[in-house]
PDB file of N, CA and C in Angstrom:
ATOM      1  N   MET A   1     -15.976   0.573 -35.650  1.00  0.00           N
ATOM      2  CA  MET A   1     -15.331   1.652 -34.937  1.00  0.00           C
ATOM      3  C   MET A   1     -16.051   1.856 -33.602  1.00  0.00           C
ATOM      4  N   MET A   2     -15.298   1.956 -32.534  1.00  0.00           N
ATOM      5  CA  MET A   2     -15.892   2.124 -31.205  1.00  0.00           C
ATOM      6  C   MET A   2     -16.166   3.591 -30.919  1.00  0.00           C
ATOM      7  N   LYS A   3     -17.284   3.820 -30.269  1.00  0.00           N
ATOM      8  CA  LYS A   3     -17.603   5.177 -29.842  1.00  0.00           C
ATOM      9  C   LYS A   3     -16.846   5.476 -28.552  1.00  0.00           C
ATOM     10  N   PRO A   4     -16.438   6.706 -28.359  1.00  0.00           N
ATOM     11  CA  PRO A   4     -15.767   7.036 -27.099  1.00  0.00           C
ATOM     12  C   PRO A   4     -16.745   6.922 -25.937  1.00  0.00           C
ATOM     13  N   SER A   5     -16.225   6.591 -24.778  1.00  0.00           N
ATOM     14  CA  SER A   5     -17.056   6.419 -23.589  1.00  0.00           C
ATOM     15  C   SER A   5     -17.639   7.758 -23.155  1.00  0.00           C
ATOM     16  N   THR A   6     -18.895   7.723 -22.772  1.00  0.00           N
ATOM     17  CA  THR A   6     -19.537   8.937 -22.272  1.00  0.00           C
ATOM     18  C   THR A   6     -19.534   8.972 -20.755  1.00  0.00           C
ATOM     19  N   MET A   7     -18.884   7.991 -20.136  1.00  0.00           N
ATOM     20  CA  MET A   7     -18.844   7.949 -18.675  1.00  0.00           C
ATOM     21  C   MET A   7     -17.799   8.930 -18.157  1.00  0.00           C
ATOM     22  N   ARG A   8     -18.192   9.661 -17.134  1.00  0.00           N
ATOM     23  CA  ARG A   8     -17.284  10.601 -16.486  1.00  0.00           C
ATOM     24  C   ARG A   8     -16.459   9.855 -15.437  1.00  0.00           C
ATOM     25  N   PRO A   9     -15.378  10.451 -14.935  1.00  0.00           N
ATOM     26  CA  PRO A   9     -14.598   9.797 -13.882  1.00  0.00           C
ATOM     27  C   PRO A   9     -15.450   9.451 -12.660  1.00  0.00           C
ATOM     28  N   ASN A  10     -16.413  10.289 -12.338  1.00  0.00           N
ATOM     29  CA  ASN A  10     -17.310  10.026 -11.215  1.00  0.00           C
ATOM     30  C   ASN A  10     -18.083   8.726 -11.437  1.00  0.00           C
ATOM     31  N   ASP A  11     -18.551   8.506 -12.662  1.00  0.00           N
ATOM     32  CA  ASP A  11     -19.294   7.291 -12.991  1.00  0.00           C
ATOM     33  C   ASP A  11     -18.406   6.051 -12.906  1.00  0.00           C
ATOM     34  N   TRP A  12     -17.173   6.179 -13.389  1.00  0.00           N
ATOM     35  CA  TRP A  12     -16.234   5.054 -13.309  1.00  0.00           C
ATOM     36  C   TRP A  12     -15.925   4.704 -11.857  1.00  0.00           C
ATOM     37  N   PHE A  13     -15.795   5.729 -11.014  1.00  0.00           N
ATOM     38  CA  PHE A  13     -15.489   5.483  -9.607  1.00  0.00           C
ATOM     39  C   PHE A  13     -16.658   4.790  -8.918  1.00  0.00           C
ATOM     40  N   LYS A  14     -17.884   5.197  -9.247  1.00  0.00           N
ATOM     41  CA  LYS A  14     -19.073   4.521  -8.702  1.00  0.00           C
ATOM     42  C   LYS A  14     -19.089   3.053  -9.113  1.00  0.00           C
ATOM     43  N   LEU A  15     -18.793   2.799 -10.384  1.00  0.00           N
ATOM     44  CA  LEU A  15     -18.760   1.427 -10.869  1.00  0.00           C
ATOM     45  C   LEU A  15     -17.703   0.612 -10.125  1.00  0.00           C
ATOM     46  N   ALA A  16     -16.528   1.187  -9.933  1.00  0.00           N
ATOM     47  CA  ALA A  16     -15.453   0.493  -9.223  1.00  0.00           C
ATOM     48  C   ALA A  16     -15.864   0.188  -7.783  1.00  0.00           C
ATOM     49  N   CYS A  17     -16.509   1.141  -7.115  1.00  0.00           N
ATOM     50  CA  CYS A  17     -16.977   0.905  -5.737  1.00  0.00           C
ATOM     51  C   CYS A  17     -17.972  -0.240  -5.695  1.00  0.00           C
ATOM     52  N   ARG A  18     -18.866  -0.276  -6.656  1.00  0.00           N
ATOM     53  CA  ARG A  18     -19.881  -1.334  -6.674  1.00  0.00           C
ATOM     54  C   ARG A  18     -19.275  -2.700  -6.999  1.00  0.00           C
ATOM     55  N   VAL A  19     -18.284  -2.732  -7.877  1.00  0.00           N
ATOM     56  CA  VAL A  19     -17.607  -3.999  -8.178  1.00  0.00           C
ATOM     57  C   VAL A  19     -16.879  -4.507  -6.932  1.00  0.00           C
ATOM     58  N   LEU A  20     -16.188  -3.611  -6.241  1.00  0.00           N
ATOM     59  CA  LEU A  20     -15.510  -4.015  -5.000  1.00  0.00           C
ATOM     60  C   LEU A  20     -16.521  -4.442  -3.936  1.00  0.00           C
ATOM     61  N   GLY A  21     -17.682  -3.797  -3.907  1.00  0.00           N
ATOM     62  CA  GLY A  21     -18.735  -4.190  -2.976  1.00  0.00           C
ATOM     63  C   GLY A  21     -19.232  -5.598  -3.261  1.00  0.00           C
ATOM     64  N   MET A  22     -19.393  -5.924  -4.538  1.00  0.00           N
ATOM     65  CA  MET A  22     -19.811  -7.288  -4.887  1.00  0.00           C
ATOM     66  C   MET A  22     -18.734  -8.302  -4.506  1.00  0.00           C
ATOM     67  N   TRP A  23     -17.482  -7.913  -4.687  1.00  0.00           N
ATOM     68  CA  TRP A  23     -16.374  -8.789  -4.295  1.00  0.00           C
ATOM     69  C   TRP A  23     -16.441  -9.058  -2.785  1.00  0.00           C
ATOM     70  N   GLN A  24     -16.731  -8.019  -2.016  1.00  0.00           N
ATOM     71  CA  GLN A  24     -16.852  -8.175  -0.563  1.00  0.00           C
ATOM     72  C   GLN A  24     -18.018  -9.094  -0.199  1.00  0.00           C
ATOM     73  N   LEU A  25     -19.115  -9.036  -0.963  1.00  0.00           N
ATOM     74  CA  LEU A  25     -20.236  -9.950  -0.702  1.00  0.00           C
ATOM     75  C   LEU A  25     -19.831 -11.398  -0.949  1.00  0.00           C
ATOM     76  N   VAL A  26     -19.045 -11.636  -1.989  1.00  0.00           N
ATOM     77  CA  VAL A  26     -18.545 -12.987  -2.247  1.00  0.00           C
ATOM     78  C   VAL A  26     -17.638 -13.426  -1.099  1.00  0.00           C
ATOM     79  N   ASP A  27     -16.805 -12.522  -0.626  1.00  0.00           N
ATOM     80  CA  ASP A  27     -15.930 -12.799   0.516  1.00  0.00           C
ATOM     81  C   ASP A  27     -16.765 -13.121   1.759  1.00  0.00           C
ATOM     82  N   THR A  28     -17.838 -12.361   1.959  1.00  0.00           N
ATOM     83  CA  THR A  28     -18.735 -12.597   3.083  1.00  0.00           C
ATOM     84  C   THR A  28     -19.347 -13.991   3.004  1.00  0.00           C
ATOM     85  N   ALA A  29     -19.739 -14.393   1.795  1.00  0.00           N
ATOM     86  CA  ALA A  29     -20.321 -15.728   1.626  1.00  0.00           C
ATOM     87  C   ALA A  29     -19.317 -16.815   2.003  1.00  0.00           C
ATOM     88  N   GLY A  30     -18.056 -16.595   1.694  1.00  0.00           N
ATOM     89  CA  GLY A  30     -17.021 -17.561   2.079  1.00  0.00           C
ATOM     90  C   GLY A  30     -16.893 -17.686   3.586  1.00  0.00           C
ATOM     91  N   TYR A  31     -16.918 -16.554   4.280  1.00  0.00           N
ATOM     92  CA  TYR A  31     -16.858 -16.594   5.745  1.00  0.00           C
ATOM     93  C   TYR A  31     -18.112 -17.217   6.333  1.00  0.00           C
ATOM     94  N   ALA A  32     -19.272 -16.942   5.722  1.00  0.00           N
ATOM     95  CA  ALA A  32     -20.524 -17.534   6.209  1.00  0.00           C
ATOM     96  C   ALA A  32     -20.493 -19.053   6.047  1.00  0.00           C
ATOM     97  N   LEU A  33     -19.976 -19.516   4.926  1.00  0.00           N
ATOM     98  CA  LEU A  33     -19.878 -20.956   4.709  1.00  0.00           C
ATOM     99  C   LEU A  33     -18.915 -21.596   5.709  1.00  0.00           C
ATOM    100  N   SER A  34     -17.784 -20.962   5.961  1.00  0.00           N
ATOM    101  CA  SER A  34     -16.842 -21.476   6.959  1.00  0.00           C
ATOM    102  C   SER A  34     -17.478 -21.506   8.335  1.00  0.00           C
ATOM    103  N   LEU A  35     -18.211 -20.453   8.665  1.00  0.00           N
ATOM    104  CA  LEU A  35     -18.893 -20.374   9.957  1.00  0.00           C
ATOM    105  C   LEU A  35     -19.924 -21.496  10.091  1.00  0.00           C
ATOM    106  N   PHE A  36     -20.682 -21.731   9.026  1.00  0.00           N
ATOM    107  CA  PHE A  36     -21.671 -22.810   9.044  1.00  0.00           C
ATOM    108  C   PHE A  36     -20.991 -24.166   9.224  1.00  0.00           C
ATOM    109  N   ASN A  37     -19.928 -24.399   8.473  1.00  0.00           N
ATOM    110  CA  ASN A  37     -19.218 -25.680   8.569  1.00  0.00           C
ATOM    111  C   ASN A  37     -18.685 -25.929   9.970  1.00  0.00           C
ATOM    112  N   ILE A  38     -18.155 -24.896  10.602  1.00  0.00           N
ATOM    113  CA  ILE A  38     -17.622 -25.047  11.959  1.00  0.00           C
ATOM    114  C   ILE A  38     -18.753 -25.270  12.953  1.00  0.00           C
ATOM    115  N   ALA A  39     -19.845 -24.489  12.818  1.00  0.00           N
ATOM    116  CA  ALA A  39     -20.978 -24.625  13.744  1.00  0.00           C
ATOM    117  C   ALA A  39     -21.668 -25.980  13.587  1.00  0.00           C
ATOM    118  N   ALA A  40     -21.710 -26.510  12.373  1.00  0.00           N
ATOM    119  CA  ALA A  40     -22.349 -27.802  12.129  1.00  0.00           C
ATOM    120  C   ALA A  40     -21.428 -28.975  12.457  1.00  0.00           C
ATOM    121  N   GLY A  41     -20.195 -28.693  12.818  1.00  0.00           N
ATOM    122  CA  GLY A  41     -19.262 -29.755  13.156  1.00  0.00           C
ATOM    123  C   GLY A  41     -18.627 -30.409  11.949  1.00  0.00           C
ATOM    124  N   LEU A  42     -18.756 -29.812  10.801  1.00  0.00           N
ATOM    125  CA  LEU A  42     -18.173 -30.377   9.583  1.00  0.00           C
ATOM    126  C   LEU A  42     -16.704 -30.017   9.424  1.00  0.00           C
ATOM    127  N   ALA A  43     -16.257 -29.034  10.175  1.00  0.00           N
ATOM    128  CA  ALA A  43     -14.854 -28.612  10.117  1.00  0.00           C
ATOM    129  C   ALA A  43     -14.418 -28.208  11.518  1.00  0.00           C
ATOM    130  N   ARG A  44     -13.124 -28.281  11.746  1.00  0.00           N
ATOM    131  CA  ARG A  44     -12.579 -27.858  13.032  1.00  0.00           C
ATOM    132  C   ARG A  44     -12.048 -26.440  12.913  1.00  0.00           C
ATOM    133  N   VAL A  45     -12.122 -25.708  14.015  1.00  0.00           N
ATOM    134  CA  VAL A  45     -11.573 -24.354  14.058  1.00  0.00           C
ATOM    135  C   VAL A  45     -10.065 -24.466  14.198  1.00  0.00           C
ATOM    136  N   PRO A  46      -9.309 -23.795  13.326  1.00  0.00           N
ATOM    137  CA  PRO A  46      -7.843 -23.797  13.503  1.00  0.00           C
ATOM    138  C   PRO A  46      -7.471 -23.241  14.877  1.00  0.00           C
ATOM    139  N   GLU A  47      -6.328 -23.644  15.380  1.00  0.00           N
ATOM    140  CA  GLU A  47      -5.912 -23.264  16.734  1.00  0.00           C
ATOM    141  C   GLU A  47      -5.837 -21.752  16.929  1.00  0.00           C
ATOM    142  N   SER A  48      -5.438 -21.023  15.918  1.00  0.00           N
ATOM    143  CA  SER A  48      -5.256 -19.576  16.078  1.00  0.00           C
ATOM    144  C   SER A  48      -6.553 -18.790  15.872  1.00  0.00           C
ATOM    145  N   TYR A  49      -7.662 -19.465  15.565  1.00  0.00           N
ATOM    146  CA  TYR A  49      -8.937 -18.800  15.330  1.00  0.00           C
ATOM    147  C   TYR A  49      -9.994 -19.326  16.300  1.00  0.00           C
ATOM    148  N   SER A  50     -11.126 -18.637  16.306  1.00  0.00           N
ATOM    149  CA  SER A  50     -12.269 -19.112  17.078  1.00  0.00           C
ATOM    150  C   SER A  50     -13.517 -18.933  16.232  1.00  0.00           C
ATOM    151  N   LEU A  51     -14.591 -19.529  16.673  1.00  0.00           N
ATOM    152  CA  LEU A  51     -15.859 -19.375  15.972  1.00  0.00           C
ATOM    153  C   LEU A  51     -16.272 -17.909  15.941  1.00  0.00           C
ATOM    154  N   LEU A  52     -16.032 -17.217  17.033  1.00  0.00           N
ATOM    155  CA  LEU A  52     -16.374 -15.797  17.110  1.00  0.00           C
ATOM    156  C   LEU A  52     -15.559 -14.967  16.116  1.00  0.00           C
ATOM    157  N   SER A  53     -14.304 -15.337  15.897  1.00  0.00           N
ATOM    158  CA  SER A  53     -13.486 -14.570  14.949  1.00  0.00           C
ATOM    159  C   SER A  53     -14.043 -14.673  13.531  1.00  0.00           C
ATOM    160  N   TYR A  54     -14.557 -15.844  13.150  1.00  0.00           N
ATOM    161  CA  TYR A  54     -15.186 -15.990  11.838  1.00  0.00           C
ATOM    162  C   TYR A  54     -16.462 -15.154  11.750  1.00  0.00           C
ATOM    163  N   LEU A  55     -17.229 -15.105  12.833  1.00  0.00           N
ATOM    164  CA  LEU A  55     -18.455 -14.312  12.851  1.00  0.00           C
ATOM    165  C   LEU A  55     -18.140 -12.825  12.710  1.00  0.00           C
ATOM    166  N   VAL A  56     -17.145 -12.347  13.444  1.00  0.00           N
ATOM    167  CA  VAL A  56     -16.757 -10.934  13.365  1.00  0.00           C
ATOM    168  C   VAL A  56     -16.244 -10.607  11.962  1.00  0.00           C
ATOM    169  N   GLN A  57     -15.457 -11.493  11.389  1.00  0.00           N
ATOM    170  CA  GLN A  57     -14.936 -11.278  10.038  1.00  0.00           C
ATOM    171  C   GLN A  57     -16.069 -11.225   9.018  1.00  0.00           C
ATOM    172  N   MET A  58     -17.060 -12.090   9.182  1.00  0.00           N
ATOM    173  CA  MET A  58     -18.190 -12.112   8.258  1.00  0.00           C
ATOM    174  C   MET A  58     -19.004 -10.821   8.371  1.00  0.00           C
ATOM    175  N   ILE A  59     -19.281 -10.384   9.588  1.00  0.00           N
ATOM    176  CA  ILE A  59     -20.057  -9.159   9.786  1.00  0.00           C
ATOM    177  C   ILE A  59     -19.293  -7.946   9.254  1.00  0.00           C
ATOM    178  N   GLY A  60     -18.001  -7.891   9.515  1.00  0.00           N
ATOM    179  CA  GLY A  60     -17.185  -6.784   9.029  1.00  0.00           C
ATOM    180  C   GLY A  60     -17.126  -6.745   7.508  1.00  0.00           C
ATOM    181  N   SER A  61     -16.971  -7.879   6.893  1.00  0.00           N
ATOM    182  CA  SER A  61     -16.929  -7.951   5.429  1.00  0.00           C
ATOM    183  C   SER A  61     -18.272  -7.538   4.830  1.00  0.00           C
ATOM    184  N   PHE A  62     -19.366  -7.947   5.469  1.00  0.00           N
ATOM    185  CA  PHE A  62     -20.698  -7.566   4.999  1.00  0.00           C
ATOM    186  C   PHE A  62     -20.922  -6.064   5.146  1.00  0.00           C
ATOM    187  N   ALA A  63     -20.445  -5.486   6.246  1.00  0.00           N
ATOM    188  CA  ALA A  63     -20.601  -4.044   6.462  1.00  0.00           C
ATOM    189  C   ALA A  63     -19.834  -3.253   5.393  1.00  0.00           C
ATOM    190  N   ILE A  64     -18.632  -3.689   5.073  1.00  0.00           N
ATOM    191  CA  ILE A  64     -17.851  -3.025   4.031  1.00  0.00           C
ATOM    192  C   ILE A  64     -18.563  -3.135   2.685  1.00  0.00           C
ATOM    193  N   ALA A  65     -19.141  -4.303   2.408  1.00  0.00           N
ATOM    194  CA  ALA A  65     -19.871  -4.490   1.154  1.00  0.00           C
ATOM    195  C   ALA A  65     -21.058  -3.534   1.078  1.00  0.00           C
ATOM    196  N   LEU A  66     -21.800  -3.387   2.166  1.00  0.00           N
ATOM    197  CA  LEU A  66     -22.939  -2.471   2.166  1.00  0.00           C
ATOM    198  C   LEU A  66     -22.508  -1.026   1.937  1.00  0.00           C
ATOM    199  N   VAL A  67     -21.435  -0.626   2.600  1.00  0.00           N
ATOM    200  CA  VAL A  67     -20.946   0.743   2.433  1.00  0.00           C
ATOM    201  C   VAL A  67     -20.540   0.989   0.986  1.00  0.00           C
ATOM    202  N   LEU A  68     -19.839   0.038   0.389  1.00  0.00           N
ATOM    203  CA  LEU A  68     -19.391   0.209  -0.995  1.00  0.00           C
ATOM    204  C   LEU A  68     -20.549   0.181  -1.983  1.00  0.00           C
ATOM    205  N   LEU A  69     -21.508  -0.703  -1.763  1.00  0.00           N
ATOM    206  CA  LEU A  69     -22.625  -0.816  -2.702  1.00  0.00           C
ATOM    207  C   LEU A  69     -23.615   0.335  -2.563  1.00  0.00           C
ATOM    208  N   LEU A  70     -24.013   0.643  -1.347  1.00  0.00           N
ATOM    209  CA  LEU A  70     -25.027   1.670  -1.140  1.00  0.00           C
ATOM    210  C   LEU A  70     -24.451   3.080  -1.103  1.00  0.00           C
ATOM    211  N   GLY A  71     -23.196   3.192  -0.695  1.00  0.00           N
ATOM    212  CA  GLY A  71     -22.594   4.511  -0.569  1.00  0.00           C
ATOM    213  C   GLY A  71     -21.752   4.926  -1.756  1.00  0.00           C
ATOM    214  N   ALA A  72     -21.785   4.164  -2.845  1.00  0.00           N
ATOM    215  CA  ALA A  72     -20.956   4.476  -4.012  1.00  0.00           C
ATOM    216  C   ALA A  72     -21.160   5.899  -4.532  1.00  0.00           C
ATOM    217  N   PRO A  73     -22.403   6.390  -4.662  1.00  0.00           N
ATOM    218  CA  PRO A  73     -22.564   7.765  -5.154  1.00  0.00           C
ATOM    219  C   PRO A  73     -21.961   8.816  -4.215  1.00  0.00           C
ATOM    220  N   ILE A  74     -22.117   8.618  -2.927  1.00  0.00           N
ATOM    221  CA  ILE A  74     -21.582   9.574  -1.958  1.00  0.00           C
ATOM    222  C   ILE A  74     -20.052   9.539  -1.961  1.00  0.00           C
ATOM    223  N   ILE A  75     -19.499   8.324  -1.984  1.00  0.00           N
ATOM    224  CA  ILE A  75     -18.037   8.176  -1.997  1.00  0.00           C
ATOM    225  C   ILE A  75     -17.461   8.800  -3.270  1.00  0.00           C
ATOM    226  N   ALA A  76     -18.112   8.554  -4.403  1.00  0.00           N
ATOM    227  CA  ALA A  76     -17.630   9.106  -5.675  1.00  0.00           C
ATOM    228  C   ALA A  76     -17.702  10.631  -5.676  1.00  0.00           C
ATOM    229  N   ASP A  77     -18.758  11.194  -5.092  1.00  0.00           N
ATOM    230  CA  ASP A  77     -18.876  12.654  -5.039  1.00  0.00           C
ATOM    231  C   ASP A  77     -17.808  13.286  -4.143  1.00  0.00           C
ATOM    232  N   ILE A  78     -17.333  12.545  -3.160  1.00  0.00           N
ATOM    233  CA  ILE A  78     -16.260  13.064  -2.298  1.00  0.00           C
ATOM    234  C   ILE A  78     -14.954  13.157  -3.091  1.00  0.00           C
ATOM    235  N   PHE A  79     -14.639  12.104  -3.848  1.00  0.00           N
ATOM    236  CA  PHE A  79     -13.368  12.063  -4.561  1.00  0.00           C
ATOM    237  C   PHE A  79     -13.426  12.699  -5.949  1.00  0.00           C
ATOM    238  N   TYR A  80     -14.598  12.695  -6.578  1.00  0.00           N
ATOM    239  CA  TYR A  80     -14.771  13.282  -7.903  1.00  0.00           C
ATOM    240  C   TYR A  80     -16.009  14.178  -7.917  1.00  0.00           C
ATOM    241  N   PRO A  81     -15.933  15.335  -7.272  1.00  0.00           N
ATOM    242  CA  PRO A  81     -17.106  16.221  -7.275  1.00  0.00           C
ATOM    243  C   PRO A  81     -17.360  16.766  -8.679  1.00  0.00           C
ATOM    244  N   ASP A  82     -18.626  17.093  -8.929  1.00  0.00           N
ATOM    245  CA  ASP A  82     -18.974  17.692 -10.217  1.00  0.00           C
ATOM    246  C   ASP A  82     -18.328  19.064 -10.315  1.00  0.00           C
ATOM    247  N   PRO A  83     -17.800  19.413 -11.491  1.00  0.00           N
ATOM    248  CA  PRO A  83     -17.185  20.738 -11.633  1.00  0.00           C
ATOM    249  C   PRO A  83     -18.250  21.815 -11.475  1.00  0.00           C
ATOM    250  N   PRO A  84     -17.868  22.980 -10.935  1.00  0.00           N
ATOM    251  CA  PRO A  84     -18.851  24.052 -10.772  1.00  0.00           C
ATOM    252  C   PRO A  84     -19.370  24.515 -12.125  1.00  0.00           C
ATOM    253  N   VAL A  85     -20.644  24.841 -12.152  1.00  0.00           N
ATOM    254  CA  VAL A  85     -21.267  25.296 -13.391  1.00  0.00           C
ATOM    255  C   VAL A  85     -20.984  26.778 -13.549  1.00  0.00           C
ATOM    256  N   ASP A  86     -20.471  27.148 -14.716  1.00  0.00           N
ATOM    257  CA  ASP A  86     -20.161  28.552 -14.980  1.00  0.00           C
ATOM    258  C   ASP A  86     -21.364  29.174 -15.675  1.00  0.00           C
ATOM    259  N   ASP A  87     -22.145  29.952 -14.930  1.00  0.00           N
ATOM    260  CA  ASP A  87     -23.329  30.600 -15.484  1.00  0.00           C
ATOM    261  C   ASP A  87     -23.002  31.934 -16.134  1.00  0.00           C
ATOM    262  N   GLY A  88     -21.752  32.317 -16.152  1.00  0.00           N
ATOM    263  CA  GLY A  88     -21.357  33.607 -16.724  1.00  0.00           C
ATOM    264  C   GLY A  88     -21.670  33.708 -18.202  1.00  0.00           C
ATOM    265  N   ASP A  89     -21.562  32.603 -18.930  1.00  0.00           N
ATOM    266  CA  ASP A  89     -21.828  32.631 -20.366  1.00  0.00           C
ATOM    267  C   ASP A  89     -23.322  32.687 -20.675  1.00  0.00           C
ATOM    268  N   LYS A  90     -24.149  32.247 -19.751  1.00  0.00           N
ATOM    269  CA  LYS A  90     -25.577  32.156 -20.013  1.00  0.00           C
ATOM    270  C   LYS A  90     -26.335  33.430 -19.643  1.00  0.00           C
ATOM    271  N   GLN A  91     -25.709  34.334 -18.904  1.00  0.00           N
ATOM    272  CA  GLN A  91     -26.388  35.556 -18.494  1.00  0.00           C
ATOM    273  C   GLN A  91     -26.504  36.509 -19.675  1.00  0.00           C
ATOM    274  N   LYS A  92     -27.621  37.225 -19.686  1.00  0.00           N
ATOM    275  CA  LYS A  92     -27.814  38.224 -20.747  1.00  0.00           C
ATOM    276  C   LYS A  92     -26.885  39.406 -20.505  1.00  0.00           C
ATOM    277  N   PRO A  93     -26.391  39.970 -21.557  1.00  0.00           N
ATOM    278  CA  PRO A  93     -25.608  41.206 -21.377  1.00  0.00           C
ATOM    279  C   PRO A  93     -26.513  42.313 -20.806  1.00  0.00           C
ATOM    280  N   PHE A  94     -25.904  43.258 -20.185  1.00  0.00           N
ATOM    281  CA  PHE A  94     -26.662  44.329 -19.509  1.00  0.00           C
ATOM    282  C   PHE A  94     -27.606  45.057 -20.459  1.00  0.00           C
ATOM    283  N   ASP A  95     -27.176  45.293 -21.666  1.00  0.00           N
ATOM    284  CA  ASP A  95     -27.994  46.059 -22.604  1.00  0.00           C
ATOM    285  C   ASP A  95     -28.768  45.178 -23.576  1.00  0.00           C
ATOM    286  N   SER A  96     -29.056  43.951 -23.208  1.00  0.00           N
ATOM    287  CA  SER A  96     -29.730  43.045 -24.135  1.00  0.00           C
ATOM    288  C   SER A  96     -31.185  43.433 -24.387  1.00  0.00           C
ATOM    289  N   ASP A  97     -31.794  44.208 -23.471  1.00  0.00           N
ATOM    290  CA  ASP A  97     -33.178  44.620 -23.670  1.00  0.00           C
ATOM    291  C   ASP A  97     -33.273  45.861 -24.565  1.00  0.00           C
ATOM    292  N   ALA A  98     -32.156  46.454 -24.859  1.00  0.00           N
ATOM    293  CA  ALA A  98     -32.178  47.651 -25.706  1.00  0.00           C
ATOM    294  C   ALA A  98     -32.515  47.257 -27.130  1.00  0.00           C
ATOM    295  N   PRO A  99     -33.317  48.045 -27.809  1.00  0.00           N
ATOM    296  CA  PRO A  99     -33.657  47.727 -29.191  1.00  0.00           C
ATOM    297  C   PRO A  99     -32.431  47.848 -30.094  1.00  0.00           C
ATOM    298  N   THR A 100     -32.411  47.017 -31.095  1.00  0.00           N
ATOM    299  CA  THR A 100     -31.292  47.100 -32.035  1.00  0.00           C
ATOM    300  C   THR A 100     -31.574  48.193 -33.065  1.00  0.00           C
ATOM    301  N   ILE A 101     -30.526  48.758 -33.575  1.00  0.00           N
ATOM    302  CA  ILE A 101     -30.668  49.875 -34.532  1.00  0.00           C
ATOM    303  C   ILE A 101     -30.693  49.351 -35.934  1.00  0.00           C
TER     304      ILE A 101
END
């Protein structure tokens, strides 16, 4: 029998951000490899692209990955803030210091 998940929606959102961040890092590696191949002369740049366009794409993909990986807690708190704590139940009643009869 499986136990129910103890993860809150905020935790799931953080996990999703980090998974997408890792995906972006893999994407960045693909652009870096293409950039290396073109710079080393192992591949030709397609007519509609340039070496600089691959570099910009790689840097942009890496920046998105960093934001998703490092900023996951902040992003999750924006979309799934913690519910306010209700301290009303924890306060002592006004006459709690009175002796009992």
